[in-house]
C-alpha atoms as a PDB file:
ATOM      1  CA  MET A   1      14.291 -13.847  10.135  1.00  0.00           C
ATOM      2  CA  LYS A   2      11.341 -15.418   8.353  1.00  0.00           C
ATOM      3  CA  THR A   3      10.927 -14.575   4.690  1.00  0.00           C
ATOM      4  CA  ILE A   4       7.746 -12.958   3.484  1.00  0.00           C
ATOM      5  CA  ARG A   5       6.776 -16.251   1.822  1.00  0.00           C
ATOM      6  CA  ASP A   6       7.115 -18.021   5.174  1.00  0.00           C
ATOM      7  CA  CYS A   7       4.798 -15.462   6.747  1.00  0.00           C
ATOM      8  CA  LEU A   8       2.281 -15.625   3.886  1.00  0.00           C
ATOM      9  CA  ASN A   9       2.030 -19.394   4.270  1.00  0.00           C
ATOM     10  CA  GLU A  10       1.219 -18.984   7.952  1.00  0.00           C
ATOM     11  CA  ARG A  11      -1.246 -16.102   8.064  1.00  0.00           C
ATOM     12  CA  ILE A  12      -2.881 -13.185   6.320  1.00  0.00           C
ATOM     13  CA  LEU A  13      -0.461 -10.254   6.219  1.00  0.00           C
ATOM     14  CA  VAL A  14      -1.524  -6.633   6.679  1.00  0.00           C
ATOM     15  CA  ILE A  15      -0.212  -3.839   4.472  1.00  0.00           C
ATOM     16  CA  ASP A  16      -0.376  -0.237   5.664  1.00  0.00           C
ATOM     17  CA  GLY A  17      -2.907   2.464   4.791  1.00  0.00           C
ATOM     18  CA  ALA A  18      -2.817   5.830   3.055  1.00  0.00           C
ATOM     19  CA  MET A  19       0.253   8.046   3.285  1.00  0.00           C
ATOM     20  CA  GLY A  20      -1.392  11.147   1.765  1.00  0.00           C
ATOM     21  CA  THR A  21      -4.269  11.069   4.241  1.00  0.00           C
ATOM     22  CA  MET A  22      -1.836  11.096   7.139  1.00  0.00           C
ATOM     23  CA  ILE A  23       0.344  13.826   5.636  1.00  0.00           C
ATOM     24  CA  GLN A  24      -2.755  16.038   5.273  1.00  0.00           C
ATOM     25  CA  ARG A  25      -3.284  15.829   9.036  1.00  0.00           C
ATOM     26  CA  HIS A  26      -0.047  17.764   9.542  1.00  0.00           C
ATOM     27  CA  LYS A  27      -1.486  20.751   7.612  1.00  0.00           C
ATOM     28  CA  LEU A  28       1.908  21.558   6.083  1.00  0.00           C
ATOM     29  CA  ALA A  29       2.551  24.911   4.407  1.00  0.00           C
ATOM     30  CA  GLU A  30       4.754  25.675   1.406  1.00  0.00           C
ATOM     31  CA  ALA A  31       7.693  26.458   3.710  1.00  0.00           C
ATOM     32  CA  ASP A  32       7.352  23.065   5.396  1.00  0.00           C
ATOM     33  CA  TYR A  33       7.626  21.282   2.071  1.00  0.00           C
ATOM     34  CA  ARG A  34      10.624  23.365   1.008  1.00  0.00           C
ATOM     35  CA  GLY A  35      12.656  23.026   4.178  1.00  0.00           C
ATOM     36  CA  GLU A  36      16.000  24.798   4.320  1.00  0.00           C
ATOM     37  CA  ARG A  37      17.474  23.052   1.303  1.00  0.00           C
ATOM     38  CA  PHE A  38      14.765  24.114  -1.161  1.00  0.00           C
ATOM     39  CA  LYS A  39      13.745  27.465   0.363  1.00  0.00           C
ATOM     40  CA  ASP A  40      14.681  29.289  -2.863  1.00  0.00           C
ATOM     41  CA  TRP A  41      13.263  26.707  -5.311  1.00  0.00           C
ATOM     42  CA  HIS A  42      11.912  28.353  -8.464  1.00  0.00           C
ATOM     43  CA  SER A  43       8.409  26.833  -8.305  1.00  0.00           C
ATOM     44  CA  ASP A  44       5.831  25.868  -5.684  1.00  0.00           C
ATOM     45  CA  VAL A  45       6.424  22.434  -4.155  1.00  0.00           C
ATOM     46  CA  LYS A  46       3.485  22.168  -1.770  1.00  0.00           C
ATOM     47  CA  GLY A  47       1.723  18.900  -2.528  1.00  0.00           C
ATOM     48  CA  ASN A  48       4.936  17.116  -3.505  1.00  0.00           C
ATOM     49  CA  ASN A  49       4.542  14.581  -0.719  1.00  0.00           C
ATOM     50  CA  ASP A  50       7.555  12.536  -1.811  1.00  0.00           C
ATOM     51  CA  LEU A  51       9.820  15.549  -1.235  1.00  0.00           C
ATOM     52  CA  LEU A  52       9.077  15.200   2.484  1.00  0.00           C
ATOM     53  CA  ASN A  53      11.366  12.137   2.500  1.00  0.00           C
ATOM     54  CA  ILE A  54      14.188  14.688   2.301  1.00  0.00           C
ATOM     55  CA  THR A  55      12.799  17.840   3.930  1.00  0.00           C
ATOM     56  CA  GLN A  56      10.620  16.344   6.718  1.00  0.00           C
ATOM     57  CA  PRO A  57      11.819  12.751   7.198  1.00  0.00           C
ATOM     58  CA  GLN A  58      10.639  12.676  10.814  1.00  0.00           C
ATOM     59  CA  ILE A  59       7.032  13.108   9.636  1.00  0.00           C
ATOM     60  CA  ILE A  60       7.271  10.201   7.188  1.00  0.00           C
ATOM     61  CA  THR A  61       9.027   7.974   9.724  1.00  0.00           C
ATOM     62  CA  GLY A  62       6.355   8.884  12.278  1.00  0.00           C
ATOM     63  CA  ILE A  63       3.549   7.848   9.909  1.00  0.00           C
ATOM     64  CA  HIS A  64       5.257   4.529   9.175  1.00  0.00           C
ATOM     65  CA  LEU A  65       5.609   3.956  12.916  1.00  0.00           C
ATOM     66  CA  GLN A  66       1.903   4.575  13.486  1.00  0.00           C
ATOM     67  CA  TYR A  67       1.044   1.917  10.915  1.00  0.00           C
ATOM     68  CA  LEU A  68       3.491  -0.565  12.432  1.00  0.00           C
ATOM     69  CA  GLU A  69       1.970   0.015  15.858  1.00  0.00           C
ATOM     70  CA  ALA A  70      -1.495  -0.503  14.338  1.00  0.00           C
ATOM     71  CA  GLY A  71      -0.471  -3.975  13.152  1.00  0.00           C
ATOM     72  CA  ALA A  72       0.928  -3.528   9.643  1.00  0.00           C
ATOM     73  CA  ASP A  73       3.316  -6.258   8.503  1.00  0.00           C
ATOM     74  CA  ILE A  74       4.245  -4.436   5.286  1.00  0.00           C
ATOM     75  CA  ILE A  75       4.890  -0.702   5.063  1.00  0.00           C
ATOM     76  CA  GLU A  76       5.135   1.085   1.729  1.00  0.00           C
ATOM     77  CA  THR A  77       7.805   3.656   1.016  1.00  0.00           C
ATOM     78  CA  ASN A  78       6.592   7.189   0.330  1.00  0.00           C
ATOM     79  CA  THR A  79       7.658   6.982  -3.325  1.00  0.00           C
ATOM     80  CA  PHE A  80       4.429   6.878  -5.326  1.00  0.00           C
ATOM     81  CA  SER A  81       5.695   9.725  -7.548  1.00  0.00           C
ATOM     82  CA  SER A  82       9.453   9.378  -7.086  1.00  0.00           C
ATOM     83  CA  THR A  83      10.391   9.070 -10.743  1.00  0.00           C
ATOM     84  CA  SER A  84      12.052  11.608 -13.002  1.00  0.00           C
ATOM     85  CA  ILE A  85       8.874  11.718 -15.128  1.00  0.00           C
ATOM     86  CA  ALA A  86       6.530  12.537 -12.227  1.00  0.00           C
ATOM     87  CA  MET A  87       9.010  14.908 -10.570  1.00  0.00           C
ATOM     88  CA  ALA A  88       9.172  16.968 -13.773  1.00  0.00           C
ATOM     89  CA  ASP A  89       6.015  18.726 -12.541  1.00  0.00           C
ATOM     90  CA  TYR A  90       8.214  20.419  -9.944  1.00  0.00           C
ATOM     91  CA  GLY A  91      11.434  20.610 -11.949  1.00  0.00           C
ATOM     92  CA  MET A  92      12.945  18.026  -9.599  1.00  0.00           C
ATOM     93  CA  GLU A  93      13.802  15.241 -12.030  1.00  0.00           C
ATOM     94  CA  SER A  94      17.371  15.047 -10.743  1.00  0.00           C
ATOM     95  CA  LEU A  95      16.153  14.151  -7.236  1.00  0.00           C
ATOM     96  CA  ALA A  96      14.444  10.884  -8.212  1.00  0.00           C
ATOM     97  CA  TYR A  97      17.198   8.532  -7.057  1.00  0.00           C
ATOM     98  CA  GLU A  98      17.786  10.445  -3.819  1.00  0.00           C
ATOM     99  CA  LEU A  99      14.069  10.508  -2.987  1.00  0.00           C
ATOM    100  CA  ASN A 100      13.844   6.728  -3.209  1.00  0.00           C
ATOM    101  CA  VAL A 101      16.917   6.133  -1.061  1.00  0.00           C
ATOM    102  CA  ALA A 102      15.635   8.629   1.519  1.00  0.00           C
ATOM    103  CA  ALA A 103      12.173   7.056   1.569  1.00  0.00           C
ATOM    104  CA  ALA A 104      13.572   3.584   2.185  1.00  0.00           C
ATOM    105  CA  SER A 105      15.694   5.038   4.983  1.00  0.00           C
ATOM    106  CA  CYS A 106      12.602   6.579   6.622  1.00  0.00           C
ATOM    107  CA  ALA A 107      10.808   3.226   6.522  1.00  0.00           C
ATOM    108  CA  ARG A 108      13.828   1.355   7.895  1.00  0.00           C
ATOM    109  CA  LYS A 109      14.193   3.845  10.733  1.00  0.00           C
ATOM    110  CA  ALA A 110      10.533   3.338  11.640  1.00  0.00           C
ATOM    111  CA  ILE A 111      11.023  -0.438  11.821  1.00  0.00           C
ATOM    112  CA  ASP A 112      14.130   0.004  13.971  1.00  0.00           C
ATOM    113  CA  GLU A 113      12.211   2.282  16.341  1.00  0.00           C
ATOM    114  CA  PHE A 114       9.306  -0.146  16.417  1.00  0.00           C
ATOM    115  CA  LYS A 115      11.623  -3.017  17.351  1.00  0.00           C
ATOM    116  CA  LYS A 116      13.021  -1.027  20.249  1.00  0.00           C
ATOM    117  CA  SER A 117       9.652   0.089  21.596  1.00  0.00           C
ATOM    118  CA  SER A 118       7.623  -3.071  20.980  1.00  0.00           C
ATOM    119  CA  ASN A 119       7.608  -6.337  22.875  1.00  0.00           C
ATOM    120  CA  VAL A 120       6.751  -8.085  19.608  1.00  0.00           C
ATOM    121  CA  SER A 121       9.912  -7.988  17.530  1.00  0.00           C
ATOM    122  CA  PRO A 122       9.329  -7.824  13.764  1.00  0.00           C
ATOM    123  CA  SER A 123      12.210 -10.259  13.307  1.00  0.00           C
ATOM    124  CA  GLY A 124      10.471 -12.734  15.556  1.00  0.00           C
ATOM    125  CA  GLY A 125       6.873 -13.841  15.385  1.00  0.00           C
ATOM    126  CA  ARG A 126       5.626 -10.951  13.290  1.00  0.00           C
ATOM    127  CA  GLY A 127       7.226  -9.902  10.027  1.00  0.00           C
ATOM    128  CA  ALA A 128       7.835  -6.268   9.159  1.00  0.00           C
ATOM    129  CA  PHE A 129       8.782  -5.713   5.549  1.00  0.00           C
ATOM    130  CA  ILE A 130       9.442  -2.620   3.469  1.00  0.00           C
ATOM    131  CA  ALA A 131       7.713  -2.528   0.098  1.00  0.00           C
ATOM    132  CA  GLY A 132       9.269  -0.105  -2.367  1.00  0.00           C
ATOM    133  CA  ALA A 133       6.216   1.637  -3.822  1.00  0.00           C
ATOM    134  CA  ILE A 134       6.293   2.134  -7.592  1.00  0.00           C
ATOM    135  CA  GLY A 135       3.388   4.285  -8.815  1.00  0.00           C
ATOM    136  CA  PRO A 136       1.679   4.374 -12.217  1.00  0.00           C
ATOM    137  CA  LEU A 137       3.178   7.704 -13.420  1.00  0.00           C
ATOM    138  CA  ASN A 138       1.284  10.800 -14.520  1.00  0.00           C
ATOM    139  CA  LYS A 139       1.787   9.883 -18.189  1.00  0.00           C
ATOM    140  CA  THR A 140       0.409   6.830 -19.921  1.00  0.00           C
ATOM    141  CA  LEU A 141       1.739   4.651 -22.721  1.00  0.00           C
ATOM    142  CA  SER A 142      -1.628   3.307 -23.868  1.00  0.00           C
ATOM    143  CA  LEU A 143      -3.666   6.498 -24.045  1.00  0.00           C
ATOM    144  CA  SER A 144      -3.244   9.842 -25.749  1.00  0.00           C
ATOM    145  CA  PRO A 145      -3.565  13.025 -23.681  1.00  0.00           C
ATOM    146  CA  ASP A 146      -4.796  14.766 -26.845  1.00  0.00           C
ATOM    147  CA  VAL A 147      -8.369  13.851 -27.808  1.00  0.00           C
ATOM    148  CA  ASN A 148      -7.765  15.246 -31.286  1.00  0.00           C
ATOM    149  CA  ASN A 149      -4.738  13.027 -31.867  1.00  0.00           C
ATOM    150  CA  PRO A 150      -5.376   9.523 -30.513  1.00  0.00           C
ATOM    151  CA  GLY A 151      -2.055   8.257 -31.845  1.00  0.00           C
ATOM    152  CA  PHE A 152      -0.013  10.743 -29.839  1.00  0.00           C
ATOM    153  CA  ARG A 153       1.890   9.637 -26.723  1.00  0.00           C
ATOM    154  CA  ALA A 154       3.424  12.002 -24.196  1.00  0.00           C
ATOM    155  CA  VAL A 155       6.181   9.523 -23.387  1.00  0.00           C
ATOM    156  CA  THR A 156       7.894   6.479 -24.947  1.00  0.00           C
ATOM    157  CA  PHE A 157       8.279   2.980 -23.544  1.00  0.00           C
ATOM    158  CA  ASP A 158      12.055   3.418 -23.286  1.00  0.00           C
ATOM    159  CA  GLN A 159      11.660   6.673 -21.348  1.00  0.00           C
ATOM    160  CA  VAL A 160       9.306   4.990 -18.883  1.00  0.00           C
ATOM    161  CA  VAL A 161      11.712   2.065 -18.462  1.00  0.00           C
ATOM    162  CA  GLU A 162      14.579   4.482 -17.809  1.00  0.00           C
ATOM    163  CA  ALA A 163      12.557   6.340 -15.158  1.00  0.00           C
ATOM    164  CA  TYR A 164      11.491   3.145 -13.407  1.00  0.00           C
ATOM    165  CA  TYR A 165      15.019   1.716 -13.588  1.00  0.00           C
ATOM    166  CA  GLU A 166      16.333   4.726 -11.689  1.00  0.00           C
ATOM    167  CA  GLN A 167      13.576   4.358  -9.103  1.00  0.00           C
ATOM    168  CA  VAL A 168      14.279   0.653  -8.613  1.00  0.00           C
ATOM    169  CA  ARG A 169      17.994   1.398  -8.206  1.00  0.00           C
ATOM    170  CA  GLY A 170      17.217   3.936  -5.467  1.00  0.00           C
ATOM    171  CA  LEU A 171      14.784   1.648  -3.644  1.00  0.00           C
ATOM    172  CA  VAL A 172      17.164  -1.323  -3.701  1.00  0.00           C
ATOM    173  CA  ASP A 173      20.132   0.802  -2.625  1.00  0.00           C
ATOM    174  CA  GLY A 174      17.940   2.169   0.168  1.00  0.00           C
ATOM    175  CA  GLY A 175      17.308  -1.348   1.462  1.00  0.00           C
ATOM    176  CA  VAL A 176      13.703  -2.299   0.651  1.00  0.00           C
ATOM    177  CA  ASP A 177      12.615  -5.921   1.063  1.00  0.00           C
ATOM    178  CA  LEU A 178      10.292  -6.142  -1.925  1.00  0.00           C
ATOM    179  CA  LEU A 179       9.018  -4.042  -4.816  1.00  0.00           C
ATOM    180  CA  LEU A 180       5.361  -3.087  -5.248  1.00  0.00           C
ATOM    181  CA  ILE A 181       4.062  -1.951  -8.635  1.00  0.00           C
ATOM    182  CA  GLU A 182       0.737  -0.443  -7.585  1.00  0.00           C
ATOM    183  CA  THR A 183      -2.370   1.437  -8.696  1.00  0.00           C
ATOM    184  CA  ILE A 184      -1.920   0.146 -12.247  1.00  0.00           C
ATOM    185  CA  PHE A 185      -4.466   1.702 -14.596  1.00  0.00           C
ATOM    186  CA  ASP A 186      -2.343   1.267 -17.733  1.00  0.00           C
ATOM    187  CA  THR A 187      -0.876  -2.214 -18.112  1.00  0.00           C
ATOM    188  CA  LEU A 188       1.765  -1.022 -20.570  1.00  0.00           C
ATOM    189  CA  ASN A 189       3.215   1.275 -17.903  1.00  0.00           C
ATOM    190  CA  ALA A 190       3.275  -1.722 -15.549  1.00  0.00           C
ATOM    191  CA  LYS A 191       5.051  -3.799 -18.187  1.00  0.00           C
ATOM    192  CA  ALA A 192       7.701  -1.086 -18.418  1.00  0.00           C
ATOM    193  CA  ALA A 193       8.120  -1.263 -14.637  1.00  0.00           C
ATOM    194  CA  ILE A 194       8.410  -5.054 -14.759  1.00  0.00           C
ATOM    195  CA  TYR A 195      10.989  -4.831 -17.540  1.00  0.00           C
ATOM    196  CA  ALA A 196      12.962  -2.193 -15.596  1.00  0.00           C
ATOM    197  CA  ILE A 197      13.022  -4.413 -12.499  1.00  0.00           C
ATOM    198  CA  LYS A 198      14.145  -7.478 -14.468  1.00  0.00           C
ATOM    199  CA  LYS A 199      16.788  -5.431 -16.285  1.00  0.00           C
ATOM    200  CA  TYR A 200      18.121  -3.902 -13.070  1.00  0.00           C
ATOM    201  CA  PHE A 201      18.695  -7.255 -11.379  1.00  0.00           C
ATOM    202  CA  ARG A 202      20.109  -8.736 -14.583  1.00  0.00           C
ATOM    203  CA  ASP A 203      22.536  -5.828 -14.947  1.00  0.00           C
ATOM    204  CA  THR A 204      23.663  -5.776 -11.318  1.00  0.00           C
ATOM    205  CA  LYS A 205      23.587  -9.564 -10.797  1.00  0.00           C
ATOM    206  CA  LYS A 206      21.976  -8.949  -7.408  1.00  0.00           C
ATOM    207  CA  THR A 207      19.481 -11.421  -5.959  1.00  0.00           C
ATOM    208  CA  PRO A 208      16.050 -10.341  -7.297  1.00  0.00           C
ATOM    209  CA  LEU A 209      13.578  -9.040  -4.734  1.00  0.00           C
ATOM    210  CA  PRO A 210       9.989 -10.335  -4.624  1.00  0.00           C
ATOM    211  CA  VAL A 211       7.578  -8.252  -6.714  1.00  0.00           C
ATOM    212  CA  MET A 212       4.005  -7.439  -5.763  1.00  0.00           C
ATOM    213  CA  ILE A 213       1.638  -6.229  -8.498  1.00  0.00           C
ATOM    214  CA  SER A 214      -1.579  -4.334  -7.756  1.00  0.00           C
ATOM    215  CA  GLY A 215      -3.966  -3.099 -10.425  1.00  0.00           C
ATOM    216  CA  THR A 216      -6.854  -0.656 -10.309  1.00  0.00           C
ATOM    217  CA  ILE A 217     -10.365  -1.346 -11.568  1.00  0.00           C
ATOM    218  CA  THR A 218     -11.637   2.146 -12.232  1.00  0.00           C
ATOM    219  CA  ASP A 219     -15.422   1.728 -12.268  1.00  0.00           C
ATOM    220  CA  ALA A 220     -18.393  -0.629 -12.341  1.00  0.00           C
ATOM    221  CA  SER A 221     -17.417  -1.895 -15.792  1.00  0.00           C
ATOM    222  CA  GLY A 222     -14.784  -4.064 -14.130  1.00  0.00           C
ATOM    223  CA  ARG A 223     -12.019  -2.776 -16.386  1.00  0.00           C
ATOM    224  CA  THR A 224      -8.811  -0.847 -15.953  1.00  0.00           C
ATOM    225  CA  LEU A 225      -8.586   2.659 -17.417  1.00  0.00           C
ATOM    226  CA  SER A 226      -6.774   1.288 -20.455  1.00  0.00           C
ATOM    227  CA  GLY A 227      -9.703  -1.062 -21.102  1.00  0.00           C
ATOM    228  CA  GLN A 228      -8.621  -4.471 -19.840  1.00  0.00           C
ATOM    229  CA  THR A 229     -10.832  -6.832 -17.909  1.00  0.00           C
ATOM    230  CA  LEU A 230      -9.404  -8.200 -14.687  1.00  0.00           C
ATOM    231  CA  GLU A 231      -8.548 -11.564 -16.249  1.00  0.00           C
ATOM    232  CA  ALA A 232      -6.847  -9.867 -19.199  1.00  0.00           C
ATOM    233  CA  PHE A 233      -4.802  -7.717 -16.819  1.00  0.00           C
ATOM    234  CA  TYR A 234      -3.818 -10.782 -14.815  1.00  0.00           C
ATOM    235  CA  THR A 235      -2.756 -12.644 -17.947  1.00  0.00           C
ATOM    236  CA  SER A 236      -0.742  -9.632 -19.144  1.00  0.00           C
ATOM    237  CA  VAL A 237       1.497  -9.418 -16.070  1.00  0.00           C
ATOM    238  CA  MET A 238       1.865 -12.986 -14.827  1.00  0.00           C
ATOM    239  CA  HIS A 239       5.021 -13.499 -16.882  1.00  0.00           C
ATOM    240  CA  ALA A 240       6.703 -11.443 -14.139  1.00  0.00           C
ATOM    241  CA  LYS A 241       6.070 -14.335 -11.729  1.00  0.00           C
ATOM    242  CA  PRO A 242       5.033 -11.963  -8.933  1.00  0.00           C
ATOM    243  CA  LEU A 243       4.855 -12.802  -5.261  1.00  0.00           C
ATOM    244  CA  SER A 244       1.294 -11.499  -5.283  1.00  0.00           C
ATOM    245  CA  ILE A 245      -1.244  -9.894  -7.534  1.00  0.00           C
ATOM    246  CA  GLY A 246      -4.120  -7.783  -6.333  1.00  0.00           C
ATOM    247  CA  LEU A 247      -6.225  -4.647  -6.491  1.00  0.00           C
ATOM    248  CA  ASN A 248      -6.095  -1.274  -4.791  1.00  0.00           C
ATOM    249  CA  CYS A 249      -7.521   2.237  -5.044  1.00  0.00           C
ATOM    250  CA  ALA A 250     -10.471   3.693  -7.031  1.00  0.00           C
ATOM    251  CA  LEU A 251     -13.067   1.499  -5.295  1.00  0.00           C
ATOM    252  CA  GLY A 252     -14.207   0.964  -1.739  1.00  0.00           C
ATOM    253  CA  ALA A 253     -14.313  -2.562  -0.344  1.00  0.00           C
ATOM    254  CA  LYS A 254     -18.033  -2.910  -1.092  1.00  0.00           C
ATOM    255  CA  GLU A 255     -17.472  -2.190  -4.803  1.00  0.00           C
ATOM    256  CA  MET A 256     -14.241  -4.186  -5.010  1.00  0.00           C
ATOM    257  CA  ARG A 257     -15.687  -7.413  -3.594  1.00  0.00           C
ATOM    258  CA  PRO A 258     -16.713  -9.207  -6.834  1.00  0.00           C
ATOM    259  CA  HIS A 259     -13.355  -8.404  -8.433  1.00  0.00           C
ATOM    260  CA  ILE A 260     -11.391  -9.843  -5.515  1.00  0.00           C
ATOM    261  CA  GLU A 261     -13.551 -12.952  -5.647  1.00  0.00           C
ATOM    262  CA  GLU A 262     -12.762 -13.352  -9.357  1.00  0.00           C
ATOM    263  CA  LEU A 263      -9.057 -12.742  -8.848  1.00  0.00           C
ATOM    264  CA  SER A 264      -8.851 -15.310  -6.060  1.00  0.00           C
ATOM    265  CA  GLN A 265     -10.272 -17.912  -8.439  1.00  0.00           C
ATOM    266  CA  ILE A 266      -7.818 -17.313 -11.287  1.00  0.00           C
ATOM    267  CA  SER A 267      -4.593 -16.332  -9.501  1.00  0.00           C
ATOM    268  CA  SER A 268      -1.811 -18.879  -9.143  1.00  0.00           C
ATOM    269  CA  CYS A 269       0.068 -16.581  -6.716  1.00  0.00           C
ATOM    270  CA  TYR A 270      -0.884 -14.815  -3.481  1.00  0.00           C
ATOM    271  CA  VAL A 271      -3.743 -12.283  -3.650  1.00  0.00           C
ATOM    272  CA  SER A 272      -3.638  -8.790  -2.150  1.00  0.00           C
ATOM    273  CA  ALA A 273      -6.416  -6.253  -1.639  1.00  0.00           C
ATOM    274  CA  TYR A 274      -6.260  -2.769  -0.196  1.00  0.00           C
ATOM    275  CA  PRO A 275      -9.378  -0.760  -1.070  1.00  0.00           C
ATOM    276  CA  ASN A 276     -10.175   2.863  -0.335  1.00  0.00           C
ATOM    277  CA  ALA A 277     -12.190   3.820   2.723  1.00  0.00           C
ATOM    278  CA  GLY A 278     -15.366   3.681   0.653  1.00  0.00           C
ATOM    279  CA  LEU A 279     -16.086   6.107  -2.167  1.00  0.00           C
ATOM    280  CA  PRO A 280     -15.316   9.832  -1.778  1.00  0.00           C
ATOM    281  CA  ASN A 281     -18.113  12.183  -0.803  1.00  0.00           C
ATOM    282  CA  ALA A 282     -19.000  15.439  -2.601  1.00  0.00           C
ATOM    283  CA  MET A 283     -16.030  17.135  -0.919  1.00  0.00           C
ATOM    284  CA  GLY A 284     -13.610  14.430  -2.034  1.00  0.00           C
ATOM    285  CA  GLU A 285     -13.251  13.042   1.475  1.00  0.00           C
ATOM    286  CA  TYR A 286     -13.717   9.479   2.716  1.00  0.00           C
ATOM    287  CA  ASP A 287     -16.339   8.735   5.342  1.00  0.00           C
ATOM    288  CA  GLU A 288     -16.158   4.960   5.802  1.00  0.00           C
ATOM    289  CA  HIS A 289     -15.436   4.107   9.418  1.00  0.00           C
ATOM    290  CA  PRO A 290     -12.602   1.706  10.311  1.00  0.00           C
ATOM    291  CA  GLU A 291     -15.063  -0.875  11.614  1.00  0.00           C
ATOM    292  CA  GLU A 292     -16.912  -0.921   8.284  1.00  0.00           C
ATOM    293  CA  THR A 293     -13.783  -1.382   6.174  1.00  0.00           C
ATOM    294  CA  ALA A 294     -12.531  -4.090   8.521  1.00  0.00           C
ATOM    295  CA  HIS A 295     -15.854  -5.924   8.345  1.00  0.00           C
ATOM    296  CA  TYR A 296     -15.689  -6.133   4.546  1.00  0.00           C
ATOM    297  CA  LEU A 297     -12.123  -7.431   4.578  1.00  0.00           C
ATOM    298  CA  GLU A 298     -12.936  -9.918   7.325  1.00  0.00           C
ATOM    299  CA  ASP A 299     -15.637 -11.311   5.054  1.00  0.00           C
ATOM    300  CA  TRP A 300     -13.152 -11.735   2.189  1.00  0.00           C
ATOM    301  CA  ALA A 301     -10.720 -13.467   4.527  1.00  0.00           C
ATOM    302  CA  LYS A 302     -13.393 -15.892   5.758  1.00  0.00           C
ATOM    303  CA  GLU A 303     -14.268 -16.686   2.130  1.00  0.00           C
ATOM    304  CA  GLY A 304     -10.615 -17.652   1.596  1.00  0.00           C
ATOM    305  CA  TRP A 305      -9.960 -15.033  -1.056  1.00  0.00           C
ATOM    306  CA  VAL A 306      -6.980 -13.068   0.275  1.00  0.00           C
ATOM    307  CA  ASN A 307      -3.413 -13.313   1.563  1.00  0.00           C
ATOM    308  CA  ILE A 308      -2.580  -9.619   2.032  1.00  0.00           C
ATOM    309  CA  VAL A 309      -5.064  -6.926   3.096  1.00  0.00           C
ATOM    310  CA  GLY A 310      -4.830  -3.255   3.981  1.00  0.00           C
ATOM    311  CA  GLY A 311      -6.069   0.160   2.943  1.00  0.00           C
ATOM    312  CA  CYS A 312      -5.590   2.795   0.260  1.00  0.00           C
ATOM    313  CA  CYS A 313      -7.007   6.333  -0.025  1.00  0.00           C
ATOM    314  CA  GLY A 314      -8.739   7.626   3.101  1.00  0.00           C
ATOM    315  CA  THR A 315      -7.559   4.817   5.367  1.00  0.00           C
ATOM    316  CA  THR A 316      -5.688   5.554   8.590  1.00  0.00           C
ATOM    317  CA  PRO A 317      -3.819   3.619  11.297  1.00  0.00           C
ATOM    318  CA  ASP A 318      -7.206   3.134  12.962  1.00  0.00           C
ATOM    319  CA  HIS A 319      -8.490   1.365   9.844  1.00  0.00           C
ATOM    320  CA  ILE A 320      -5.390  -0.832   9.763  1.00  0.00           C
ATOM    321  CA  LYS A 321      -5.727  -1.617  13.469  1.00  0.00           C
ATOM    322  CA  HIS A 322      -9.295  -2.865  12.984  1.00  0.00           C
ATOM    323  CA  ILE A 323      -8.400  -4.797   9.827  1.00  0.00           C
ATOM    324  CA  ALA A 324      -5.457  -6.496  11.548  1.00  0.00           C
ATOM    325  CA  ALA A 325      -7.643  -7.472  14.501  1.00  0.00           C
ATOM    326  CA  GLU A 326     -10.368  -8.954  12.285  1.00  0.00           C
ATOM    327  CA  VAL A 327      -8.102 -11.123  10.095  1.00  0.00           C
ATOM    328  CA  LYS A 328      -5.691 -12.139  12.832  1.00  0.00           C
ATOM    329  CA  LYS A 329      -7.065 -15.630  13.398  1.00  0.00           C
ATOM    330  CA  ILE A 330      -8.379 -16.369   9.907  1.00  0.00           C
ATOM    331  CA  LYS A 331      -6.415 -18.779   7.739  1.00  0.00           C
ATOM    332  CA  PRO A 332      -4.897 -17.327   4.558  1.00  0.00           C
ATOM    333  CA  ARG A 333      -5.988 -18.257   1.049  1.00  0.00           C
ATOM    334  CA  GLN A 334      -4.282 -21.451  -0.062  1.00  0.00           C
ATOM    335  CA  LEU A 335      -2.272 -21.351  -3.260  1.00  0.00           C
ATOM    336  CA  PRO A 336      -3.810 -23.549  -5.971  1.00  0.00           C
ATOM    337  CA  VAL A 337      -1.921 -26.492  -7.372  1.00  0.00           C
ATOM    338  CA  VAL A 338      -1.127 -25.604 -10.970  1.00  0.00           C
ATOM    339  CA  GLU A 339      -0.572 -28.602 -13.204  1.00  0.00           C
ATOM    340  CA  LYS A 340       1.698 -28.112 -16.183  1.00  0.00           C
ATOM    341  CA  GLU A 341       0.655 -30.200 -19.139  1.00  0.00           C
ATOM    342  CA  LEU A 342       0.474 -29.970 -22.900  1.00  0.00           C
ATOM    343  CA  ALA A 343      -2.931 -29.868 -24.524  1.00  0.00           C
END
């Protein structure tokens, strides 16, 4: 089977779209989230989408399969909040490892089903890779949640590392092909994730998996929530030697365009981009049609800015299908030749 680097050198790869958007279509009730195992859980769990990896795995596998059929080369595990820190909201800290293993299993099952049903085998001409999704957490290391005490932090660096380490262990044991640190609005959280990944592979002496890094520019200022410019963010995480660096979430493709252009000019690794389906309307919903999103990403591809494209909030298999069709025959961004020399 070709490695993901082999595939990236040949063509632009497509990453899947939103998981939450697709879960919402199922209109699940509290009882659906609980399943039999958690029917007597002491608190409400509706909205804990990651729990569905355990209680409704067929739904998650089905969503992955829809994205594969739409043309996705990379599918993300449903683990955006599968850390002990994020699961504390539901009193489910102890499930973190199990959630990650289960999520990877759902993704792998979808690929196996896709291989059986499709004439185009993922192990042949088209790659199908599982990216273990590592979210930004609901607590931040750089910002205080208390406006009256700016020096206060709700969590320590070591606690964040411990939570991410457990998540990485679950994802790797579950069989993911790469790790994706995504939706980064606080670079210090991302650094903790990077450290946890490095530590895990150092401790276990396993062959390190490729790491994708994707930040989030939160508004028109061109900065992350913790105040970094795009170039500063890039400089802060490149010591991880990632497979790719990119942007996702917060912005639609129209608003993200200048930032992707900048990133393509400074990045020494592959560049990824998976924007939202435009900006949310007054009801918090996304109205951008698949053809519109695909047109924007086709433009970026023709400019030679990207290696991996897909969708974030509000995007569906239909968006991914149109994106995949538009970038199919466009050559990927070429990696720059970086000369090492002393000043």
